[in-house]
C-alpha atoms as a PDB file:
ATOM      1  CA  MET A   1       0.000   0.000   0.000  1.00  0.00           C
ATOM      2  CA  HIS A   2       2.338   1.620  -2.680  1.00  0.00           C
ATOM      3  CA  THR A   3       0.888   3.787  -0.132  1.00  0.00           C
ATOM      4  CA  ALA A   4       2.489   7.044  -1.195  1.00  0.00           C
ATOM      5  CA  GLY A   5       5.778   7.539   0.625  1.00  0.00           C
ATOM      6  CA  SER A   6       6.945  10.074   3.176  1.00  0.00           C
ATOM      7  CA  ALA A   7      10.148  11.899   3.999  1.00  0.00           C
ATOM      8  CA  LEU A   8      10.351  10.496   7.539  1.00  0.00           C
ATOM      9  CA  SER A   9      13.479   8.714   8.748  1.00  0.00           C
ATOM     10  CA  LEU A  10      12.335   5.460  10.343  1.00  0.00           C
ATOM     11  CA  PRO A  11      14.324   2.396  11.414  1.00  0.00           C
ATOM     12  CA  ALA A  12      14.839   0.096   8.462  1.00  0.00           C
ATOM     13  CA  LYS A  13      12.983  -2.828   9.975  1.00  0.00           C
ATOM     14  CA  MET A  14      10.019  -0.665  10.969  1.00  0.00           C
ATOM     15  CA  LEU A  15       9.835   0.965   7.560  1.00  0.00           C
ATOM     16  CA  ALA A  16       9.846  -2.475   5.957  1.00  0.00           C
ATOM     17  CA  CYS A  17       6.934  -3.474   8.180  1.00  0.00           C
ATOM     18  CA  PHE A  18       5.006  -0.313   7.301  1.00  0.00           C
ATOM     19  CA  LEU A  19       5.567  -0.734   3.567  1.00  0.00           C
ATOM     20  CA  TRP A  20       4.685  -4.417   3.719  1.00  0.00           C
ATOM     21  CA  CYS A  21       1.527  -3.735   5.670  1.00  0.00           C
ATOM     22  CA  ALA A  22       0.305  -0.676   3.809  1.00  0.00           C
ATOM     23  CA  LEU A  23      -0.441  -2.335   0.536  1.00  0.00           C
ATOM     24  CA  ALA A  24      -4.102  -2.943  -0.204  1.00  0.00           C
ATOM     25  CA  ALA A  25      -7.736  -1.980  -0.111  1.00  0.00           C
ATOM     26  CA  GLY A  26     -10.766  -2.361  -2.312  1.00  0.00           C
ATOM     27  CA  ILE A  27     -10.011  -6.033  -2.683  1.00  0.00           C
ATOM     28  CA  LEU A  28     -13.638  -7.056  -3.125  1.00  0.00           C
ATOM     29  CA  ASN A  29     -16.457  -5.254  -4.869  1.00  0.00           C
ATOM     30  CA  ALA A  30     -19.012  -7.991  -5.165  1.00  0.00           C
ATOM     31  CA  THR A  31     -21.010  -9.994  -2.681  1.00  0.00           C
ATOM     32  CA  SER A  32     -19.865 -13.279  -4.243  1.00  0.00           C
ATOM     33  CA  PRO A  33     -16.040 -12.861  -3.952  1.00  0.00           C
ATOM     34  CA  LEU A  34     -15.095 -16.362  -5.051  1.00  0.00           C
ATOM     35  CA  ILE A  35     -16.737 -15.672  -8.425  1.00  0.00           C
ATOM     36  CA  ASP A  36     -15.758 -12.018  -9.012  1.00  0.00           C
ATOM     37  CA  VAL A  37     -12.715 -11.190  -6.922  1.00  0.00           C
ATOM     38  CA  ALA A  38     -10.081 -12.373  -9.417  1.00  0.00           C
ATOM     39  CA  ASP A  39     -11.200  -9.858 -12.047  1.00  0.00           C
ATOM     40  CA  VAL A  40     -11.360  -7.084  -9.428  1.00  0.00           C
ATOM     41  CA  LEU A  41      -7.860  -7.803  -8.181  1.00  0.00           C
ATOM     42  CA  ARG A  42      -6.368  -7.563 -11.663  1.00  0.00           C
ATOM     43  CA  GLU A  43      -7.649  -3.995 -12.042  1.00  0.00           C
ATOM     44  CA  PHE A  44      -7.204  -2.721  -8.499  1.00  0.00           C
ATOM     45  CA  ARG A  45      -4.754   0.064  -7.596  1.00  0.00           C
ATOM     46  CA  THR A  46      -3.711   0.595  -3.988  1.00  0.00           C
ATOM     47  CA  ASP A  47      -2.720   4.256  -4.432  1.00  0.00           C
ATOM     48  CA  PRO A  48      -4.993   7.202  -5.297  1.00  0.00           C
ATOM     49  CA  PRO A  49      -6.426   6.958  -8.819  1.00  0.00           C
ATOM     50  CA  ARG A  50      -4.395   8.298 -11.714  1.00  0.00           C
ATOM     51  CA  GLY A  51      -5.226  11.887 -12.566  1.00  0.00           C
ATOM     52  CA  TRP A  52      -6.144  12.877  -9.004  1.00  0.00           C
ATOM     53  CA  SER A  53      -4.077  15.415  -7.052  1.00  0.00           C
ATOM     54  CA  PHE A  54      -4.039  15.211  -3.255  1.00  0.00           C
ATOM     55  CA  THR A  55      -2.326  16.331  -0.055  1.00  0.00           C
ATOM     56  CA  GLN A  56      -0.665  13.672   2.084  1.00  0.00           C
ATOM     57  CA  THR A  57       0.140  14.181   5.771  1.00  0.00           C
ATOM     58  CA  THR A  58       2.379  11.629   7.496  1.00  0.00           C
ATOM     59  CA  GLY A  59       3.160  11.451  11.202  1.00  0.00           C
ATOM     60  CA  ALA A  60       5.359   9.020  13.123  1.00  0.00           C
ATOM     61  CA  GLN A  61       7.661   9.067  16.115  1.00  0.00           C
ATOM     62  CA  GLY A  62       7.239  12.780  16.736  1.00  0.00           C
ATOM     63  CA  GLN A  63       7.993  13.713  13.117  1.00  0.00           C
ATOM     64  CA  SER A  64       5.608  14.867  10.424  1.00  0.00           C
ATOM     65  CA  THR A  65       5.520  15.852   6.780  1.00  0.00           C
ATOM     66  CA  VAL A  66       2.889  17.435   4.566  1.00  0.00           C
ATOM     67  CA  GLU A  67       3.277  16.759   0.841  1.00  0.00           C
ATOM     68  CA  ARG A  68       1.291  17.640  -2.250  1.00  0.00           C
ATOM     69  CA  SER A  69       1.010  15.439  -5.308  1.00  0.00           C
ATOM     70  CA  ASP A  70      -0.021  17.387  -8.430  1.00  0.00           C
ATOM     71  CA  ALA A  71      -1.241  14.920 -11.035  1.00  0.00           C
ATOM     72  CA  SER A  72      -1.133  17.579 -13.755  1.00  0.00           C
ATOM     73  CA  LYS A  73       2.688  17.584 -13.647  1.00  0.00           C
ATOM     74  CA  PRO A  74       5.158  14.998 -15.013  1.00  0.00           C
ATOM     75  CA  GLU A  75       5.823  12.021 -12.715  1.00  0.00           C
ATOM     76  CA  PHE A  76       9.235  13.205 -11.518  1.00  0.00           C
ATOM     77  CA  ASP A  77       7.991  16.732 -10.751  1.00  0.00           C
ATOM     78  CA  ARG A  78       4.583  16.201  -9.197  1.00  0.00           C
ATOM     79  CA  TRP A  79       5.567  15.889  -5.511  1.00  0.00           C
ATOM     80  CA  THR A  80       6.190  18.982  -3.335  1.00  0.00           C
ATOM     81  CA  LEU A  81       7.176  19.098   0.345  1.00  0.00           C
ATOM     82  CA  LEU A  82       4.916  21.695   1.963  1.00  0.00           C
ATOM     83  CA  GLN A  83       5.765  21.285   5.647  1.00  0.00           C
ATOM     84  CA  LYS A  84       8.151  19.346   7.845  1.00  0.00           C
ATOM     85  CA  ASP A  85       7.497  18.980  11.563  1.00  0.00           C
ATOM     86  CA  GLY A  86       4.903  21.738  11.447  1.00  0.00           C
ATOM     87  CA  ARG A  87       7.072  24.381   9.738  1.00  0.00           C
ATOM     88  CA  ALA A  88       8.214  25.406   6.292  1.00  0.00           C
ATOM     89  CA  PRO A  89      11.059  23.155   5.067  1.00  0.00           C
ATOM     90  CA  THR A  90      14.597  24.489   4.775  1.00  0.00           C
ATOM     91  CA  ALA A  91      16.506  24.638   1.495  1.00  0.00           C
ATOM     92  CA  ASP A  92      18.554  21.576   2.486  1.00  0.00           C
ATOM     93  CA  GLU A  93      15.410  19.640   3.386  1.00  0.00           C
ATOM     94  CA  LEU A  94      13.829  20.514   0.058  1.00  0.00           C
ATOM     95  CA  LYS A  95      16.941  19.340  -1.773  1.00  0.00           C
ATOM     96  CA  HIS A  96      17.087  16.072   0.180  1.00  0.00           C
ATOM     97  CA  TYR A  97      13.370  15.554  -0.391  1.00  0.00           C
ATOM     98  CA  ALA A  98      13.658  16.034  -4.150  1.00  0.00           C
ATOM     99  CA  GLU A  99      16.575  13.584  -4.343  1.00  0.00           C
ATOM    100  CA  SER A 100      14.749  11.037  -2.192  1.00  0.00           C
ATOM    101  CA  ARG A 101      11.588  11.296  -4.259  1.00  0.00           C
ATOM    102  CA  SER A 102      13.559  10.849  -7.474  1.00  0.00           C
ATOM    103  CA  ARG A 103      15.173   7.661  -6.165  1.00  0.00           C
ATOM    104  CA  ARG A 104      11.821   6.257  -5.068  1.00  0.00           C
ATOM    105  CA  SER A 105      10.279   6.997  -8.457  1.00  0.00           C
ATOM    106  CA  ARG A 106      12.953   4.872 -10.101  1.00  0.00           C
ATOM    107  CA  GLY A 107      12.633   2.093  -7.557  1.00  0.00           C
ATOM    108  CA  GLY A 108       9.845   0.104  -9.211  1.00  0.00           C
ATOM    109  CA  THR A 109       6.616  -1.095  -7.678  1.00  0.00           C
ATOM    110  CA  ALA A 110       6.083  -2.585  -4.233  1.00  0.00           C
ATOM    111  CA  PRO A 111       4.919  -6.173  -3.749  1.00  0.00           C
ATOM    112  CA  ARG A 112       1.134  -6.594  -3.905  1.00  0.00           C
ATOM    113  CA  LEU A 113      -0.556  -7.967  -0.836  1.00  0.00           C
ATOM    114  CA  VAL A 114      -3.647  -8.773  -2.888  1.00  0.00           C
ATOM    115  CA  GLU A 115      -1.672 -11.529  -4.575  1.00  0.00           C
ATOM    116  CA  GLN A 116      -1.102 -13.113  -1.151  1.00  0.00           C
ATOM    117  CA  LEU A 117      -4.757 -13.463  -0.205  1.00  0.00           C
ATOM    118  CA  ASP A 118      -5.703 -17.096   0.258  1.00  0.00           C
ATOM    119  CA  LEU A 119      -9.164 -17.004  -1.338  1.00  0.00           C
ATOM    120  CA  THR A 120      -9.901 -20.548  -0.193  1.00  0.00           C
ATOM    121  CA  SER A 121      -9.699 -19.373   3.422  1.00  0.00           C
ATOM    122  CA  MET A 122     -12.338 -16.646   3.033  1.00  0.00           C
ATOM    123  CA  GLU A 123     -14.867 -16.454   5.851  1.00  0.00           C
ATOM    124  CA  THR A 124     -17.768 -14.098   6.399  1.00  0.00           C
ATOM    125  CA  VAL A 125     -17.341 -12.384   9.758  1.00  0.00           C
ATOM    126  CA  GLU A 126     -20.513 -10.291   9.602  1.00  0.00           C
ATOM    127  CA  ASP A 127     -23.240  -9.768   7.029  1.00  0.00           C
ATOM    128  CA  ALA A 128     -25.398  -6.725   7.838  1.00  0.00           C
ATOM    129  CA  SER A 129     -27.883  -4.834   5.694  1.00  0.00           C
ATOM    130  CA  GLU A 130     -25.367  -2.343   4.253  1.00  0.00           C
ATOM    131  CA  ARG A 131     -21.973  -3.994   4.769  1.00  0.00           C
ATOM    132  CA  THR A 132     -20.314  -7.383   4.763  1.00  0.00           C
ATOM    133  CA  THR A 133     -17.056  -8.139   6.550  1.00  0.00           C
ATOM    134  CA  TYR A 134     -14.715 -10.841   5.237  1.00  0.00           C
ATOM    135  CA  ARG A 135     -11.521 -12.329   6.648  1.00  0.00           C
ATOM    136  CA  PHE A 136      -8.646 -14.021   4.791  1.00  0.00           C
ATOM    137  CA  ARG A 137      -5.464 -15.857   5.602  1.00  0.00           C
ATOM    138  CA  LEU A 138      -2.334 -14.829   3.703  1.00  0.00           C
ATOM    139  CA  LEU A 139      -0.056 -16.905   1.535  1.00  0.00           C
ATOM    140  CA  PRO A 140       3.727 -16.487   2.020  1.00  0.00           C
ATOM    141  CA  GLY A 141       5.203 -13.730  -0.130  1.00  0.00           C
ATOM    142  CA  ASP A 142       8.340 -15.781  -0.716  1.00  0.00           C
ATOM    143  CA  ARG A 143      10.119 -18.869   0.623  1.00  0.00           C
ATOM    144  CA  GLY A 144      11.549 -16.964   3.579  1.00  0.00           C
ATOM    145  CA  ASP A 145       8.308 -15.263   4.592  1.00  0.00           C
ATOM    146  CA  ARG A 146       7.749 -15.979   8.286  1.00  0.00           C
ATOM    147  CA  THR A 147       5.179 -13.211   8.769  1.00  0.00           C
ATOM    148  CA  ALA A 148       2.194 -14.094   6.580  1.00  0.00           C
ATOM    149  CA  ALA A 149       1.134 -17.052   8.721  1.00  0.00           C
ATOM    150  CA  PHE A 150       0.584 -14.723  11.679  1.00  0.00           C
ATOM    151  CA  LEU A 151      -1.502 -12.110   9.837  1.00  0.00           C
ATOM    152  CA  ARG A 152      -5.144 -11.925   8.779  1.00  0.00           C
ATOM    153  CA  ALA A 153      -6.754  -9.507   6.324  1.00  0.00           C
ATOM    154  CA  THR A 154     -10.200  -8.183   7.250  1.00  0.00           C
ATOM    155  CA  ILE A 155     -12.185  -6.376   4.551  1.00  0.00           C
ATOM    156  CA  VAL A 156     -15.377  -4.332   4.934  1.00  0.00           C
ATOM    157  CA  LEU A 157     -17.537  -4.114   1.808  1.00  0.00           C
ATOM    158  CA  HIS A 158     -20.221  -1.464   1.339  1.00  0.00           C
ATOM    159  CA  LYS A 159     -22.935  -3.286  -0.584  1.00  0.00           C
ATOM    160  CA  GLY A 160     -24.826  -0.340  -2.056  1.00  0.00           C
ATOM    161  CA  THR A 161     -21.819   1.062  -3.916  1.00  0.00           C
ATOM    162  CA  ARG A 162     -19.918  -2.251  -4.159  1.00  0.00           C
ATOM    163  CA  THR A 163     -16.956  -0.444  -2.599  1.00  0.00           C
ATOM    164  CA  ILE A 164     -14.416  -1.375   0.055  1.00  0.00           C
ATOM    165  CA  GLU A 165     -14.548   0.990   3.029  1.00  0.00           C
ATOM    166  CA  SER A 166     -11.653  -0.512   4.947  1.00  0.00           C
ATOM    167  CA  ILE A 167      -9.080  -3.239   5.050  1.00  0.00           C
ATOM    168  CA  ALA A 168      -7.167  -4.231   8.168  1.00  0.00           C
ATOM    169  CA  LEU A 169      -4.065  -6.359   8.481  1.00  0.00           C
ATOM    170  CA  GLY A 170      -3.587  -7.646  12.000  1.00  0.00           C
ATOM    171  CA  SER A 171      -1.393 -10.151  13.765  1.00  0.00           C
ATOM    172  CA  THR A 172      -3.033 -13.107  15.469  1.00  0.00           C
ATOM    173  CA  GLY A 173      -0.497 -13.142  18.304  1.00  0.00           C
ATOM    174  CA  PRO A 174       3.204 -12.618  19.070  1.00  0.00           C
ATOM    175  CA  PHE A 175       5.626 -13.876  16.418  1.00  0.00           C
ATOM    176  CA  SER A 176       9.258 -13.672  15.325  1.00  0.00           C
ATOM    177  CA  PRO A 177       9.719 -12.615  11.672  1.00  0.00           C
ATOM    178  CA  THR A 178      13.487 -12.977  11.890  1.00  0.00           C
ATOM    179  CA  LEU A 179      16.172 -14.003  14.385  1.00  0.00           C
ATOM    180  CA  GLY A 180      16.264 -11.701  17.401  1.00  0.00           C
ATOM    181  CA  VAL A 181      13.084  -9.807  16.502  1.00  0.00           C
ATOM    182  CA  ARG A 182       9.820 -10.376  18.356  1.00  0.00           C
ATOM    183  CA  ILE A 183       6.602  -8.647  17.330  1.00  0.00           C
ATOM    184  CA  GLU A 184       4.034  -8.571  20.107  1.00  0.00           C
ATOM    185  CA  SER A 185       1.319  -6.962  17.983  1.00  0.00           C
ATOM    186  CA  MET A 186       1.019  -5.370  14.556  1.00  0.00           C
ATOM    187  CA  ARG A 187      -2.013  -3.815  12.909  1.00  0.00           C
ATOM    188  CA  THR A 188      -2.579  -1.616   9.870  1.00  0.00           C
ATOM    189  CA  VAL A 189      -5.989  -0.192   8.997  1.00  0.00           C
ATOM    190  CA  MET A 190      -6.718   1.527   5.670  1.00  0.00           C
ATOM    191  CA  THR A 191      -9.950   3.432   5.106  1.00  0.00           C
ATOM    192  CA  TYR A 192     -11.509   4.633   1.854  1.00  0.00           C
ATOM    193  CA  SER A 193     -14.313   6.997   0.888  1.00  0.00           C
ATOM    194  CA  LEU A 194     -17.440   5.883  -0.891  1.00  0.00           C
ATOM    195  CA  PRO A 195     -17.929   7.059  -4.489  1.00  0.00           C
ATOM    196  CA  ASN A 196     -19.637  10.443  -4.646  1.00  0.00           C
ATOM    197  CA  GLY A 197     -20.742  11.987  -7.907  1.00  0.00           C
ATOM    198  CA  ASP A 198     -17.791  11.992 -10.298  1.00  0.00           C
ATOM    199  CA  ALA A 199     -15.354  11.037  -7.519  1.00  0.00           C
ATOM    200  CA  PRO A 200     -14.436   7.351  -7.202  1.00  0.00           C
ATOM    201  CA  SER A 201     -13.517   5.656  -3.946  1.00  0.00           C
ATOM    202  CA  LEU A 202     -10.423   7.470  -2.604  1.00  0.00           C
ATOM    203  CA  PRO A 203      -7.900   6.646   0.147  1.00  0.00           C
ATOM    204  CA  LEU A 204      -8.588   8.521   3.381  1.00  0.00           C
ATOM    205  CA  LYS A 205      -6.213   7.187   6.019  1.00  0.00           C
ATOM    206  CA  VAL A 206      -3.616   4.513   6.805  1.00  0.00           C
ATOM    207  CA  ALA A 207      -2.855   3.874  10.481  1.00  0.00           C
ATOM    208  CA  THR A 208      -0.161   1.421  11.580  1.00  0.00           C
ATOM    209  CA  HIS A 209       0.605   0.232  15.101  1.00  0.00           C
ATOM    210  CA  VAL A 210       3.580  -2.008  15.962  1.00  0.00           C
ATOM    211  CA  ARG A 211       4.828  -3.237  19.320  1.00  0.00           C
ATOM    212  CA  GLY A 212       7.928  -5.397  19.611  1.00  0.00           C
ATOM    213  CA  THR A 213      11.591  -5.744  20.495  1.00  0.00           C
ATOM    214  CA  ALA A 214      14.859  -6.500  18.731  1.00  0.00           C
ATOM    215  CA  PHE A 215      17.446  -8.681  20.462  1.00  0.00           C
ATOM    216  CA  TRP A 216      15.449  -8.480  23.701  1.00  0.00           C
ATOM    217  CA  LEU A 217      16.503  -4.881  24.423  1.00  0.00           C
ATOM    218  CA  LYS A 218      15.781  -2.448  21.580  1.00  0.00           C
ATOM    219  CA  SER A 219      12.177  -1.340  21.310  1.00  0.00           C
ATOM    220  CA  LEU A 220      10.472  -1.517  17.933  1.00  0.00           C
ATOM    221  CA  ASP A 221       7.343   0.227  19.216  1.00  0.00           C
ATOM    222  CA  ALA A 222       6.022   2.665  16.639  1.00  0.00           C
ATOM    223  CA  ASP A 223       2.856   4.233  15.336  1.00  0.00           C
ATOM    224  CA  MET A 224       2.386   5.894  11.967  1.00  0.00           C
ATOM    225  CA  THR A 225      -0.569   7.617  10.328  1.00  0.00           C
ATOM    226  CA  VAL A 226      -0.936   8.799   6.746  1.00  0.00           C
ATOM    227  CA  THR A 227      -3.957  10.888   5.800  1.00  0.00           C
ATOM    228  CA  PHE A 228      -5.089  11.980   2.334  1.00  0.00           C
ATOM    229  CA  ALA A 229      -7.131  15.115   1.658  1.00  0.00           C
ATOM    230  CA  ASP A 230      -7.867  17.947  -0.784  1.00  0.00           C
ATOM    231  CA  TYR A 231      -8.453  15.685  -3.766  1.00  0.00           C
ATOM    232  CA  VAL A 232      -8.736  17.396  -7.146  1.00  0.00           C
ATOM    233  CA  ASN A 233      -9.368  15.735 -10.498  1.00  0.00           C
ATOM    234  CA  ALA A 234      -6.504  17.206 -12.523  1.00  0.00           C
ATOM    235  CA  ARG A 235      -8.027  15.968 -15.757  1.00  0.00           C
ATOM    236  CA  LYS A 236     -10.937  18.402 -15.356  1.00  0.00           C
ATOM    237  CA  LYS A 237      -8.746  21.510 -15.275  1.00  0.00           C
END
């Protein structure tokens, strides 16, 4: 969930967890997923739709950034750092930001969590008049993946608009993804708007919570939120 990036400096292991977790929403848009979900997954994008500009605010570990993505500009020029830690960025910060953004643009696409959903494990958690909640197990992302077995994906479908309102990735209990690292709990929740007029479903917020330790001493506790606002359809200008 790419989820659009930020300029925050986070520990490498935590950043990897955030990027791994923040990678999906809108996975179902039909009330019979086993029949329709494959076609939906092939077309789904985890980031804001192409052609839409937006403001992204990221906060974690006492740091924050506010960025603007202008879809009317070329890919390598569309991102602007508006604020850092509640103030205007310095010249050095703007330079570092531009270089960092350029490297990320050339870095390719992130792995897709939707390809790890085990559709055969799907269960209906709740089926109300307006929404249905589904839960899935995850398939390993690769041969060394020791995390997927301890996570579940929970998806809330709004029936009237056939739109996903939220997807949550949560751990089922403590686990060790690698030697010396113990995760006590990990949860990422992504929320999306319902379609409204000409506007499609749009990302609203990603919130990640991690509690754990590395080598029994170093804390890996961290919380991160990313919010999206001020959407504009650049193609209508």
